[in-house]
Amino acid sequence: MSANPTEGAILRFTMDGELNDLELKLSAVTVARLQTLLLEADAQLANLVTTQ
């Protein structure tokens, strides 16, 4: 991930036994949205854990 937030990110996944890696190129807007979704999911999970 670049230090420059306007550049976005390239995520590379290496899978055992596969000839090719999986590479995802995400725009800066997509990275920001993904971060927001992950924060929201984390908050919901924390709420579920504390209410049980």
N, C-alpha and C. Protein backbone atom coordinates (compact mmCIF):
# COMPACT_ATOMS: atom_id res chain seq x y z
N MET A 1 0.85 -1.17 0.00
CA MET A 1 0.00 0.00 0.00
C MET A 1 0.90 1.23 0.00
N SER A 2 0.53 2.18 -0.79
CA SER A 2 1.33 3.39 -0.91
C SER A 2 1.10 4.33 0.27
N ALA A 3 2.10 5.11 0.58
CA ALA A 3 1.96 6.14 1.61
C ALA A 3 1.12 7.30 1.08
N ASN A 4 1.00 7.40 -0.23
CA ASN A 4 0.20 8.45 -0.86
C ASN A 4 -1.25 7.95 -0.97
N PRO A 5 -2.19 8.55 -0.22
CA PRO A 5 -3.55 8.04 -0.21
C PRO A 5 -4.29 8.17 -1.54
N THR A 6 -3.78 8.96 -2.47
CA THR A 6 -4.46 9.09 -3.77
C THR A 6 -4.10 7.95 -4.72
N GLU A 7 -3.11 7.14 -4.37
CA GLU A 7 -2.66 6.08 -5.27
C GLU A 7 -3.42 4.77 -5.12
N GLY A 8 -4.11 4.57 -4.01
CA GLY A 8 -4.82 3.31 -3.81
C GLY A 8 -3.90 2.22 -3.32
N ALA A 9 -4.19 0.98 -3.70
CA ALA A 9 -3.41 -0.15 -3.19
C ALA A 9 -3.43 -1.30 -4.18
N ILE A 10 -2.39 -2.11 -4.10
CA ILE A 10 -2.34 -3.37 -4.82
C ILE A 10 -2.20 -4.46 -3.77
N LEU A 11 -3.17 -5.35 -3.72
CA LEU A 11 -3.13 -6.47 -2.77
C LEU A 11 -2.76 -7.73 -3.54
N ARG A 12 -1.74 -8.42 -3.09
CA ARG A 12 -1.30 -9.64 -3.77
C ARG A 12 -1.45 -10.82 -2.82
N PHE A 13 -2.14 -11.84 -3.28
CA PHE A 13 -2.35 -13.05 -2.50
C PHE A 13 -1.61 -14.20 -3.17
N THR A 14 -0.77 -14.88 -2.42
CA THR A 14 -0.06 -16.04 -2.92
C THR A 14 -0.72 -17.28 -2.34
N MET A 15 -1.10 -18.19 -3.23
CA MET A 15 -1.80 -19.39 -2.81
C MET A 15 -0.91 -20.61 -3.05
N ASP A 16 -0.75 -21.42 -2.03
CA ASP A 16 0.07 -22.62 -2.16
C ASP A 16 -0.49 -23.54 -3.25
N GLY A 17 0.39 -24.05 -4.07
CA GLY A 17 0.00 -24.99 -5.11
C GLY A 17 -0.54 -24.34 -6.37
N GLU A 18 -0.68 -23.03 -6.38
CA GLU A 18 -1.18 -22.33 -7.56
C GLU A 18 -0.01 -21.73 -8.33
N LEU A 19 -0.11 -21.74 -9.64
CA LEU A 19 0.96 -21.19 -10.47
C LEU A 19 0.99 -19.67 -10.45
N ASN A 20 -0.17 -19.04 -10.30
CA ASN A 20 -0.25 -17.57 -10.37
C ASN A 20 -0.76 -17.00 -9.05
N ASP A 21 -0.24 -15.84 -8.72
CA ASP A 21 -0.75 -15.10 -7.57
C ASP A 21 -2.03 -14.38 -7.99
N LEU A 22 -2.83 -14.04 -7.02
CA LEU A 22 -4.01 -13.23 -7.26
C LEU A 22 -3.66 -11.79 -6.88
N GLU A 23 -3.84 -10.88 -7.81
CA GLU A 23 -3.49 -9.49 -7.56
C GLU A 23 -4.72 -8.61 -7.76
N LEU A 24 -5.05 -7.82 -6.75
CA LEU A 24 -6.18 -6.89 -6.82
C LEU A 24 -5.65 -5.47 -6.80
N LYS A 25 -6.03 -4.68 -7.78
CA LYS A 25 -5.64 -3.27 -7.83
C LYS A 25 -6.87 -2.46 -7.44
N LEU A 26 -6.75 -1.72 -6.33
CA LEU A 26 -7.87 -0.96 -5.80
C LEU A 26 -7.60 0.53 -5.87
N SER A 27 -8.61 1.28 -6.26
CA SER A 27 -8.47 2.74 -6.28
C SER A 27 -8.47 3.27 -4.86
N ALA A 28 -8.06 4.51 -4.70
CA ALA A 28 -8.04 5.14 -3.38
C ALA A 28 -9.44 5.20 -2.77
N VAL A 29 -10.45 5.45 -3.60
CA VAL A 29 -11.83 5.51 -3.11
C VAL A 29 -12.26 4.12 -2.61
N THR A 30 -11.90 3.09 -3.33
CA THR A 30 -12.26 1.73 -2.94
C THR A 30 -11.56 1.35 -1.63
N VAL A 31 -10.31 1.72 -1.49
CA VAL A 31 -9.57 1.43 -0.25
C VAL A 31 -10.24 2.14 0.93
N ALA A 32 -10.63 3.38 0.74
CA ALA A 32 -11.30 4.13 1.82
C ALA A 32 -12.62 3.48 2.18
N ARG A 33 -13.38 3.05 1.20
CA ARG A 33 -14.67 2.40 1.46
C ARG A 33 -14.47 1.06 2.18
N LEU A 34 -13.47 0.31 1.75
CA LEU A 34 -13.16 -0.96 2.40
C LEU A 34 -12.76 -0.75 3.86
N GLN A 35 -11.96 0.26 4.12
CA GLN A 35 -11.57 0.57 5.49
C GLN A 35 -12.79 0.92 6.34
N THR A 36 -13.72 1.70 5.76
CA THR A 36 -14.95 2.07 6.47
C THR A 36 -15.78 0.84 6.78
N LEU A 37 -15.94 -0.05 5.81
CA LEU A 37 -16.71 -1.27 6.02
C LEU A 37 -16.08 -2.16 7.09
N LEU A 38 -14.76 -2.25 7.09
CA LEU A 38 -14.09 -3.07 8.10
C LEU A 38 -14.24 -2.47 9.50
N LEU A 39 -14.17 -1.14 9.60
CA LEU A 39 -14.38 -0.49 10.89
C LEU A 39 -15.80 -0.70 11.39
N GLU A 40 -16.78 -0.59 10.49
CA GLU A 40 -18.18 -0.81 10.86
C GLU A 40 -18.40 -2.25 11.32
N ALA A 41 -17.82 -3.20 10.60
CA ALA A 41 -17.95 -4.61 10.97
C ALA A 41 -17.30 -4.88 12.32
N ASP A 42 -16.16 -4.27 12.57
CA ASP A 42 -15.46 -4.44 13.84
C ASP A 42 -16.30 -3.89 14.99
N ALA A 43 -16.93 -2.74 14.77
CA ALA A 43 -17.77 -2.13 15.80
C ALA A 43 -19.00 -3.00 16.08
N GLN A 44 -19.59 -3.55 15.03
CA GLN A 44 -20.75 -4.43 15.22
C GLN A 44 -20.36 -5.70 15.96
N LEU A 45 -19.21 -6.26 15.64
CA LEU A 45 -18.73 -7.46 16.32
C LEU A 45 -18.47 -7.16 17.80
N ALA A 46 -17.86 -6.03 18.07
CA ALA A 46 -17.59 -5.65 19.46
C ALA A 46 -18.90 -5.49 20.22
N ASN A 47 -19.92 -4.94 19.57
CA ASN A 47 -21.23 -4.78 20.19
C ASN A 47 -21.86 -6.14 20.49
N LEU A 48 -21.73 -7.08 19.58
CA LEU A 48 -22.28 -8.42 19.78
C LEU A 48 -21.58 -9.12 20.94
N VAL A 49 -20.28 -8.98 21.01
CA VAL A 49 -19.50 -9.65 22.06
C VAL A 49 -19.85 -9.09 23.43
N THR A 50 -20.03 -7.77 23.53
CA THR A 50 -20.30 -7.15 24.83
C THR A 50 -21.75 -7.35 25.29
N THR A 51 -22.67 -7.62 24.36
CA THR A 51 -24.07 -7.79 24.74
C THR A 51 -24.42 -9.24 25.09
N GLN A 52 -23.54 -10.15 24.83
CA GLN A 52 -23.84 -11.56 25.12
C GLN A 52 -23.40 -11.94 26.51
